[in-house]
Amino acid sequence: MNFHTRKWVKPEDLNANGTLFGGSLLRWIDEEAAIYAIIQLENHRCVTKYISEINFVSSAKQGDIIELGMEAIHFGRTSLTITCEVRNKLTHKTILKIDKIVFVSLDEHGVPLPHGKTKIEYVADRLEQRDDS
């Protein structure tokens, strides 16, 4: 799993118990997962189709630095399935796990679009392929 995105838990991110509000965390996850899907599928028209059970393992508090990890686990004909883990950056303690987040690639009319992808690609790999052309 690649952990790239980090967030600093600030007062506006807290719930009534003084810990990280789950809704704020889920917004961050959905945004980061969408960016991941857009990059992997090379299509800015990707939408969230499904999010599996969300397992809140522990909480975060104000001042914590958390990191979001994403990894592609399945490429469908028009979809991409991602797994997610959020952890405390300093302690590496898991805060949340989501087994499956499914994104669908769409065309300009909002119709599912086959993407032709079968494996994770990194930007550096794409640049190397273009340089070889």
N, C-alpha and C. Protein backbone atom coordinates (compact mmCIF):
# COMPACT_ATOMS: atom_id res chain seq x y z
N MET A 1 0.85 -1.18 0.00
CA MET A 1 0.00 0.00 0.00
C MET A 1 0.89 1.24 0.00
N ASN A 2 0.53 2.19 -0.82
CA ASN A 2 1.28 3.44 -0.90
C ASN A 2 0.61 4.51 -0.05
N PHE A 3 1.36 5.08 0.86
CA PHE A 3 0.86 6.16 1.71
C PHE A 3 1.49 7.46 1.22
N HIS A 4 0.69 8.28 0.58
CA HIS A 4 1.21 9.53 0.04
C HIS A 4 0.56 10.76 0.65
N THR A 5 -0.74 10.73 0.80
CA THR A 5 -1.46 11.91 1.27
C THR A 5 -1.46 11.98 2.79
N ARG A 6 -1.14 13.15 3.28
CA ARG A 6 -1.14 13.37 4.73
C ARG A 6 -2.09 14.51 5.06
N LYS A 7 -2.73 14.39 6.19
CA LYS A 7 -3.64 15.43 6.67
C LYS A 7 -3.29 15.72 8.13
N TRP A 8 -3.42 16.99 8.47
CA TRP A 8 -3.20 17.43 9.84
C TRP A 8 -4.57 17.63 10.46
N VAL A 9 -4.85 16.95 11.55
CA VAL A 9 -6.16 17.04 12.20
C VAL A 9 -6.24 18.37 12.96
N LYS A 10 -7.17 19.23 12.50
CA LYS A 10 -7.32 20.57 13.05
C LYS A 10 -8.64 20.68 13.81
N PRO A 11 -8.85 21.74 14.57
CA PRO A 11 -10.07 21.88 15.38
C PRO A 11 -11.36 21.73 14.56
N GLU A 12 -11.38 22.24 13.33
CA GLU A 12 -12.60 22.15 12.52
C GLU A 12 -12.90 20.73 12.04
N ASP A 13 -11.96 19.80 12.25
CA ASP A 13 -12.15 18.41 11.83
C ASP A 13 -12.67 17.52 12.95
N LEU A 14 -12.91 18.09 14.13
CA LEU A 14 -13.26 17.29 15.31
C LEU A 14 -14.77 17.14 15.49
N ASN A 15 -15.15 16.05 16.15
CA ASN A 15 -16.55 15.84 16.51
C ASN A 15 -16.79 16.31 17.95
N ALA A 16 -17.97 16.05 18.48
CA ALA A 16 -18.33 16.50 19.84
C ALA A 16 -17.48 15.82 20.91
N ASN A 17 -16.83 14.72 20.59
CA ASN A 17 -15.97 14.02 21.55
C ASN A 17 -14.52 14.49 21.51
N GLY A 18 -14.24 15.44 20.60
CA GLY A 18 -12.88 15.96 20.49
C GLY A 18 -11.94 15.08 19.69
N THR A 19 -12.51 14.14 18.94
CA THR A 19 -11.71 13.29 18.06
C THR A 19 -12.11 13.57 16.61
N LEU A 20 -11.35 13.01 15.69
CA LEU A 20 -11.59 13.25 14.28
C LEU A 20 -13.00 12.81 13.89
N PHE A 21 -13.75 13.71 13.28
CA PHE A 21 -15.10 13.45 12.81
C PHE A 21 -15.03 12.50 11.62
N GLY A 22 -15.76 11.40 11.69
CA GLY A 22 -15.74 10.40 10.63
C GLY A 22 -16.12 10.96 9.27
N GLY A 23 -17.05 11.91 9.24
CA GLY A 23 -17.46 12.51 7.97
C GLY A 23 -16.33 13.26 7.30
N SER A 24 -15.52 13.94 8.08
CA SER A 24 -14.36 14.64 7.51
C SER A 24 -13.38 13.63 6.92
N LEU A 25 -13.13 12.57 7.66
CA LEU A 25 -12.20 11.54 7.18
C LEU A 25 -12.72 10.89 5.91
N LEU A 26 -14.01 10.58 5.86
CA LEU A 26 -14.57 9.94 4.67
C LEU A 26 -14.53 10.87 3.45
N ARG A 27 -14.71 12.17 3.66
CA ARG A 27 -14.58 13.14 2.56
C ARG A 27 -13.16 13.12 2.00
N TRP A 28 -12.16 13.10 2.90
CA TRP A 28 -10.77 13.07 2.48
C TRP A 28 -10.48 11.79 1.70
N ILE A 29 -11.00 10.67 2.20
CA ILE A 29 -10.77 9.38 1.55
C ILE A 29 -11.40 9.36 0.16
N ASP A 30 -12.64 9.81 0.04
CA ASP A 30 -13.32 9.79 -1.25
C ASP A 30 -12.59 10.67 -2.26
N GLU A 31 -12.11 11.83 -1.82
CA GLU A 31 -11.38 12.72 -2.71
C GLU A 31 -10.05 12.08 -3.15
N GLU A 32 -9.31 11.55 -2.21
CA GLU A 32 -8.02 10.94 -2.54
C GLU A 32 -8.21 9.70 -3.42
N ALA A 33 -9.22 8.89 -3.13
CA ALA A 33 -9.49 7.70 -3.95
C ALA A 33 -9.90 8.11 -5.36
N ALA A 34 -10.67 9.17 -5.49
CA ALA A 34 -11.06 9.65 -6.82
C ALA A 34 -9.83 10.11 -7.61
N ILE A 35 -8.95 10.84 -6.96
CA ILE A 35 -7.72 11.28 -7.63
C ILE A 35 -6.90 10.06 -8.07
N TYR A 36 -6.79 9.08 -7.19
CA TYR A 36 -6.06 7.84 -7.50
C TYR A 36 -6.68 7.16 -8.73
N ALA A 37 -8.02 7.04 -8.75
CA ALA A 37 -8.72 6.39 -9.86
C ALA A 37 -8.53 7.17 -11.15
N ILE A 38 -8.64 8.49 -11.09
CA ILE A 38 -8.46 9.33 -12.28
C ILE A 38 -7.08 9.13 -12.88
N ILE A 39 -6.07 9.09 -12.03
CA ILE A 39 -4.69 8.91 -12.50
C ILE A 39 -4.50 7.51 -13.09
N GLN A 40 -5.01 6.49 -12.40
CA GLN A 40 -4.83 5.12 -12.88
C GLN A 40 -5.57 4.88 -14.19
N LEU A 41 -6.79 5.42 -14.31
CA LEU A 41 -7.61 5.16 -15.49
C LEU A 41 -7.43 6.22 -16.58
N GLU A 42 -6.66 7.25 -16.27
CA GLU A 42 -6.40 8.34 -17.21
C GLU A 42 -7.70 8.92 -17.78
N ASN A 43 -8.66 9.13 -16.87
CA ASN A 43 -9.96 9.69 -17.26
C ASN A 43 -10.47 10.52 -16.08
N HIS A 44 -10.70 11.81 -16.31
CA HIS A 44 -11.17 12.66 -15.21
C HIS A 44 -12.65 12.45 -14.90
N ARG A 45 -13.32 11.62 -15.68
CA ARG A 45 -14.73 11.32 -15.43
C ARG A 45 -14.86 9.96 -14.72
N CYS A 46 -14.40 9.89 -13.49
CA CYS A 46 -14.54 8.69 -12.67
C CYS A 46 -15.45 9.03 -11.50
N VAL A 47 -16.36 8.14 -11.20
CA VAL A 47 -17.29 8.39 -10.09
C VAL A 47 -17.27 7.23 -9.10
N THR A 48 -17.55 7.56 -7.84
CA THR A 48 -17.63 6.54 -6.80
C THR A 48 -18.90 5.73 -7.02
N LYS A 49 -18.76 4.42 -7.14
CA LYS A 49 -19.90 3.52 -7.34
C LYS A 49 -20.28 2.82 -6.04
N TYR A 50 -19.25 2.46 -5.25
CA TYR A 50 -19.51 1.60 -4.09
C TYR A 50 -18.39 1.78 -3.07
N ILE A 51 -18.77 1.80 -1.80
CA ILE A 51 -17.81 1.75 -0.70
C ILE A 51 -18.27 0.64 0.23
N SER A 52 -17.39 -0.32 0.49
CA SER A 52 -17.74 -1.45 1.36
C SER A 52 -17.78 -1.00 2.82
N GLU A 53 -17.93 -1.97 3.67
CA GLU A 53 -17.94 -1.69 5.11
C GLU A 53 -16.73 -0.86 5.52
N ILE A 54 -16.99 0.13 6.34
CA ILE A 54 -15.94 1.02 6.84
C ILE A 54 -15.63 0.60 8.27
N ASN A 55 -14.38 0.26 8.53
CA ASN A 55 -14.00 -0.22 9.85
C ASN A 55 -13.16 0.85 10.55
N PHE A 56 -13.79 1.57 11.48
CA PHE A 56 -13.07 2.55 12.30
C PHE A 56 -12.36 1.77 13.41
N VAL A 57 -11.05 1.69 13.34
CA VAL A 57 -10.25 0.88 14.26
C VAL A 57 -9.85 1.68 15.49
N SER A 58 -9.42 2.92 15.29
CA SER A 58 -9.04 3.79 16.40
C SER A 58 -9.34 5.23 15.98
N SER A 59 -9.13 6.16 16.87
CA SER A 59 -9.44 7.55 16.55
C SER A 59 -8.17 8.38 16.43
N ALA A 60 -8.36 9.57 15.94
CA ALA A 60 -7.28 10.55 15.86
C ALA A 60 -7.74 11.78 16.61
N LYS A 61 -6.78 12.55 17.11
CA LYS A 61 -7.13 13.75 17.86
C LYS A 61 -6.46 14.97 17.25
N GLN A 62 -6.86 16.12 17.72
CA GLN A 62 -6.31 17.37 17.20
C GLN A 62 -4.78 17.34 17.29
N GLY A 63 -4.16 17.76 16.21
CA GLY A 63 -2.70 17.79 16.15
C GLY A 63 -2.07 16.56 15.53
N ASP A 64 -2.83 15.46 15.44
CA ASP A 64 -2.29 14.25 14.82
C ASP A 64 -2.07 14.49 13.33
N ILE A 65 -1.07 13.84 12.80
CA ILE A 65 -0.85 13.79 11.36
C ILE A 65 -1.27 12.39 10.93
N ILE A 66 -2.22 12.34 10.00
CA ILE A 66 -2.67 11.03 9.52
C ILE A 66 -2.26 10.90 8.05
N GLU A 67 -2.15 9.67 7.60
CA GLU A 67 -1.83 9.44 6.20
C GLU A 67 -2.81 8.43 5.62
N LEU A 68 -3.15 8.67 4.36
CA LEU A 68 -4.10 7.84 3.65
C LEU A 68 -3.36 6.97 2.66
N GLY A 69 -3.58 5.66 2.75
CA GLY A 69 -2.96 4.72 1.82
C GLY A 69 -3.99 4.13 0.90
N MET A 70 -3.65 4.06 -0.37
CA MET A 70 -4.54 3.52 -1.40
C MET A 70 -3.77 2.50 -2.24
N GLU A 71 -4.49 1.49 -2.70
CA GLU A 71 -3.89 0.53 -3.62
C GLU A 71 -4.98 -0.06 -4.51
N ALA A 72 -4.71 -0.13 -5.80
CA ALA A 72 -5.63 -0.77 -6.73
C ALA A 72 -5.56 -2.28 -6.51
N ILE A 73 -6.72 -2.91 -6.37
CA ILE A 73 -6.73 -4.36 -6.14
C ILE A 73 -7.45 -5.13 -7.24
N HIS A 74 -8.23 -4.41 -8.08
CA HIS A 74 -8.91 -5.09 -9.18
C HIS A 74 -9.28 -4.09 -10.27
N PHE A 75 -9.03 -4.49 -11.49
CA PHE A 75 -9.44 -3.70 -12.65
C PHE A 75 -10.56 -4.46 -13.35
N GLY A 76 -11.75 -3.84 -13.40
CA GLY A 76 -12.86 -4.40 -14.16
C GLY A 76 -12.84 -3.80 -15.56
N ARG A 77 -13.85 -4.10 -16.34
CA ARG A 77 -13.91 -3.58 -17.71
C ARG A 77 -14.06 -2.06 -17.72
N THR A 78 -14.91 -1.53 -16.83
CA THR A 78 -15.12 -0.08 -16.74
C THR A 78 -14.79 0.45 -15.35
N SER A 79 -14.37 -0.42 -14.45
CA SER A 79 -14.21 -0.04 -13.05
C SER A 79 -12.80 -0.27 -12.52
N LEU A 80 -12.56 0.31 -11.37
CA LEU A 80 -11.32 0.11 -10.63
C LEU A 80 -11.70 -0.04 -9.16
N THR A 81 -11.20 -1.08 -8.53
CA THR A 81 -11.46 -1.30 -7.10
C THR A 81 -10.18 -0.98 -6.33
N ILE A 82 -10.35 -0.19 -5.30
CA ILE A 82 -9.24 0.29 -4.48
C ILE A 82 -9.46 -0.16 -3.04
N THR A 83 -8.39 -0.46 -2.34
CA THR A 83 -8.45 -0.68 -0.90
C THR A 83 -7.81 0.52 -0.22
N CYS A 84 -8.21 0.79 1.01
CA CYS A 84 -7.74 1.99 1.71
C CYS A 84 -7.42 1.69 3.17
N GLU A 85 -6.34 2.28 3.63
CA GLU A 85 -6.02 2.26 5.06
C GLU A 85 -5.59 3.66 5.45
N VAL A 86 -6.08 4.10 6.59
CA VAL A 86 -5.66 5.39 7.15
C VAL A 86 -4.96 5.08 8.46
N ARG A 87 -3.81 5.71 8.65
CA ARG A 87 -3.05 5.45 9.88
C ARG A 87 -2.43 6.75 10.40
N ASN A 88 -2.06 6.70 11.67
CA ASN A 88 -1.34 7.80 12.29
C ASN A 88 0.08 7.80 11.74
N LYS A 89 0.53 8.92 11.21
CA LYS A 89 1.83 9.00 10.56
C LYS A 89 2.97 8.68 11.52
N LEU A 90 2.89 9.14 12.74
CA LEU A 90 4.00 8.97 13.68
C LEU A 90 4.01 7.60 14.36
N THR A 91 2.82 7.10 14.73
CA THR A 91 2.75 5.82 15.45
C THR A 91 2.48 4.63 14.53
N HIS A 92 2.02 4.90 13.32
CA HIS A 92 1.60 3.89 12.33
C HIS A 92 0.40 3.09 12.82
N LYS A 93 -0.29 3.54 13.87
CA LYS A 93 -1.49 2.88 14.36
C LYS A 93 -2.62 3.09 13.35
N THR A 94 -3.29 1.99 12.99
CA THR A 94 -4.39 2.06 12.02
C THR A 94 -5.57 2.80 12.62
N ILE A 95 -6.13 3.72 11.84
CA ILE A 95 -7.30 4.48 12.25
C ILE A 95 -8.55 3.93 11.57
N LEU A 96 -8.43 3.58 10.30
CA LEU A 96 -9.59 3.12 9.53
C LEU A 96 -9.12 2.21 8.41
N LYS A 97 -9.99 1.25 8.04
CA LYS A 97 -9.75 0.39 6.88
C LYS A 97 -11.03 0.28 6.07
N ILE A 98 -10.87 0.32 4.76
CA ILE A 98 -11.97 0.06 3.83
C ILE A 98 -11.46 -0.97 2.84
N ASP A 99 -12.14 -2.10 2.75
CA ASP A 99 -11.69 -3.17 1.87
C ASP A 99 -11.86 -2.82 0.39
N LYS A 100 -13.00 -2.19 0.05
CA LYS A 100 -13.27 -1.92 -1.36
C LYS A 100 -13.92 -0.57 -1.57
N ILE A 101 -13.32 0.20 -2.47
CA ILE A 101 -13.94 1.42 -2.99
C ILE A 101 -13.92 1.23 -4.50
N VAL A 102 -15.10 1.24 -5.12
CA VAL A 102 -15.18 1.00 -6.56
C VAL A 102 -15.49 2.31 -7.28
N PHE A 103 -14.68 2.58 -8.29
CA PHE A 103 -14.89 3.74 -9.17
C PHE A 103 -15.20 3.23 -10.57
N VAL A 104 -16.06 3.97 -11.27
CA VAL A 104 -16.41 3.64 -12.64
C VAL A 104 -15.96 4.78 -13.54
N SER A 105 -15.34 4.40 -14.64
CA SER A 105 -14.90 5.34 -15.66
C SER A 105 -16.09 5.65 -16.56
N LEU A 106 -16.36 6.94 -16.81
CA LEU A 106 -17.50 7.35 -17.63
C LEU A 106 -17.05 8.10 -18.87
N ASP A 107 -17.89 8.05 -19.91
CA ASP A 107 -17.64 8.87 -21.09
C ASP A 107 -18.29 10.24 -20.88
N GLU A 108 -18.25 11.09 -21.90
CA GLU A 108 -18.78 12.46 -21.77
C GLU A 108 -20.29 12.50 -21.59
N HIS A 109 -20.99 11.37 -21.80
CA HIS A 109 -22.44 11.31 -21.62
C HIS A 109 -22.83 10.64 -20.31
N GLY A 110 -21.85 10.29 -19.50
CA GLY A 110 -22.12 9.64 -18.22
C GLY A 110 -22.36 8.14 -18.33
N VAL A 111 -21.95 7.55 -19.43
CA VAL A 111 -22.11 6.11 -19.67
C VAL A 111 -20.79 5.42 -19.32
N PRO A 112 -20.87 4.27 -18.61
CA PRO A 112 -19.62 3.55 -18.29
C PRO A 112 -18.78 3.31 -19.54
N LEU A 113 -17.49 3.60 -19.40
CA LEU A 113 -16.54 3.56 -20.51
C LEU A 113 -15.45 2.53 -20.23
N PRO A 114 -15.28 1.52 -21.09
CA PRO A 114 -14.16 0.59 -20.90
C PRO A 114 -12.85 1.35 -20.92
N HIS A 115 -11.97 1.01 -19.97
CA HIS A 115 -10.72 1.77 -19.83
C HIS A 115 -9.49 1.02 -20.35
N GLY A 116 -9.57 -0.28 -20.50
CA GLY A 116 -8.45 -1.04 -21.05
C GLY A 116 -7.27 -1.22 -20.12
N LYS A 117 -7.39 -0.85 -18.87
CA LYS A 117 -6.28 -0.99 -17.91
C LYS A 117 -6.36 -2.35 -17.23
N THR A 118 -5.19 -2.91 -16.90
CA THR A 118 -5.15 -4.22 -16.24
C THR A 118 -4.21 -4.27 -15.05
N LYS A 119 -3.41 -3.21 -14.87
CA LYS A 119 -2.46 -3.22 -13.76
C LYS A 119 -2.17 -1.79 -13.32
N ILE A 120 -1.61 -1.67 -12.12
CA ILE A 120 -1.24 -0.37 -11.59
C ILE A 120 -0.12 0.21 -12.44
N GLU A 121 -0.27 1.47 -12.79
CA GLU A 121 0.78 2.18 -13.51
C GLU A 121 1.13 3.43 -12.72
N TYR A 122 2.40 3.77 -12.74
CA TYR A 122 2.85 4.98 -12.08
C TYR A 122 3.21 6.01 -13.14
N VAL A 123 3.13 7.26 -12.79
CA VAL A 123 3.40 8.34 -13.74
C VAL A 123 4.78 8.16 -14.37
N ALA A 124 5.77 7.80 -13.58
CA ALA A 124 7.13 7.60 -14.10
C ALA A 124 7.14 6.52 -15.18
N ASP A 125 6.34 5.45 -15.00
CA ASP A 125 6.26 4.39 -16.01
C ASP A 125 5.67 4.94 -17.32
N ARG A 126 4.66 5.76 -17.22
CA ARG A 126 4.03 6.33 -18.41
C ARG A 126 4.99 7.27 -19.14
N LEU A 127 5.74 8.04 -18.36
CA LEU A 127 6.69 8.95 -18.98
C LEU A 127 7.78 8.19 -19.72
N GLU A 128 8.25 7.09 -19.12
CA GLU A 128 9.26 6.26 -19.77
C GLU A 128 8.73 5.67 -21.06
N GLN A 129 7.44 5.23 -21.05
CA GLN A 129 6.84 4.64 -22.25
C GLN A 129 6.75 5.69 -23.36
N ARG A 130 6.41 6.90 -23.02
CA ARG A 130 6.29 7.97 -24.02
C ARG A 130 7.66 8.37 -24.56
N ASP A 131 8.67 8.32 -23.70
CA ASP A 131 10.03 8.65 -24.14
C ASP A 131 10.56 7.62 -25.12
N ASP A 132 10.15 6.35 -24.93
CA ASP A 132 10.59 5.26 -25.79
C ASP A 132 9.92 5.30 -27.17
N SER A 133 8.81 5.99 -27.27
CA SER A 133 8.03 6.02 -28.52
C SER A 133 8.73 6.80 -29.60
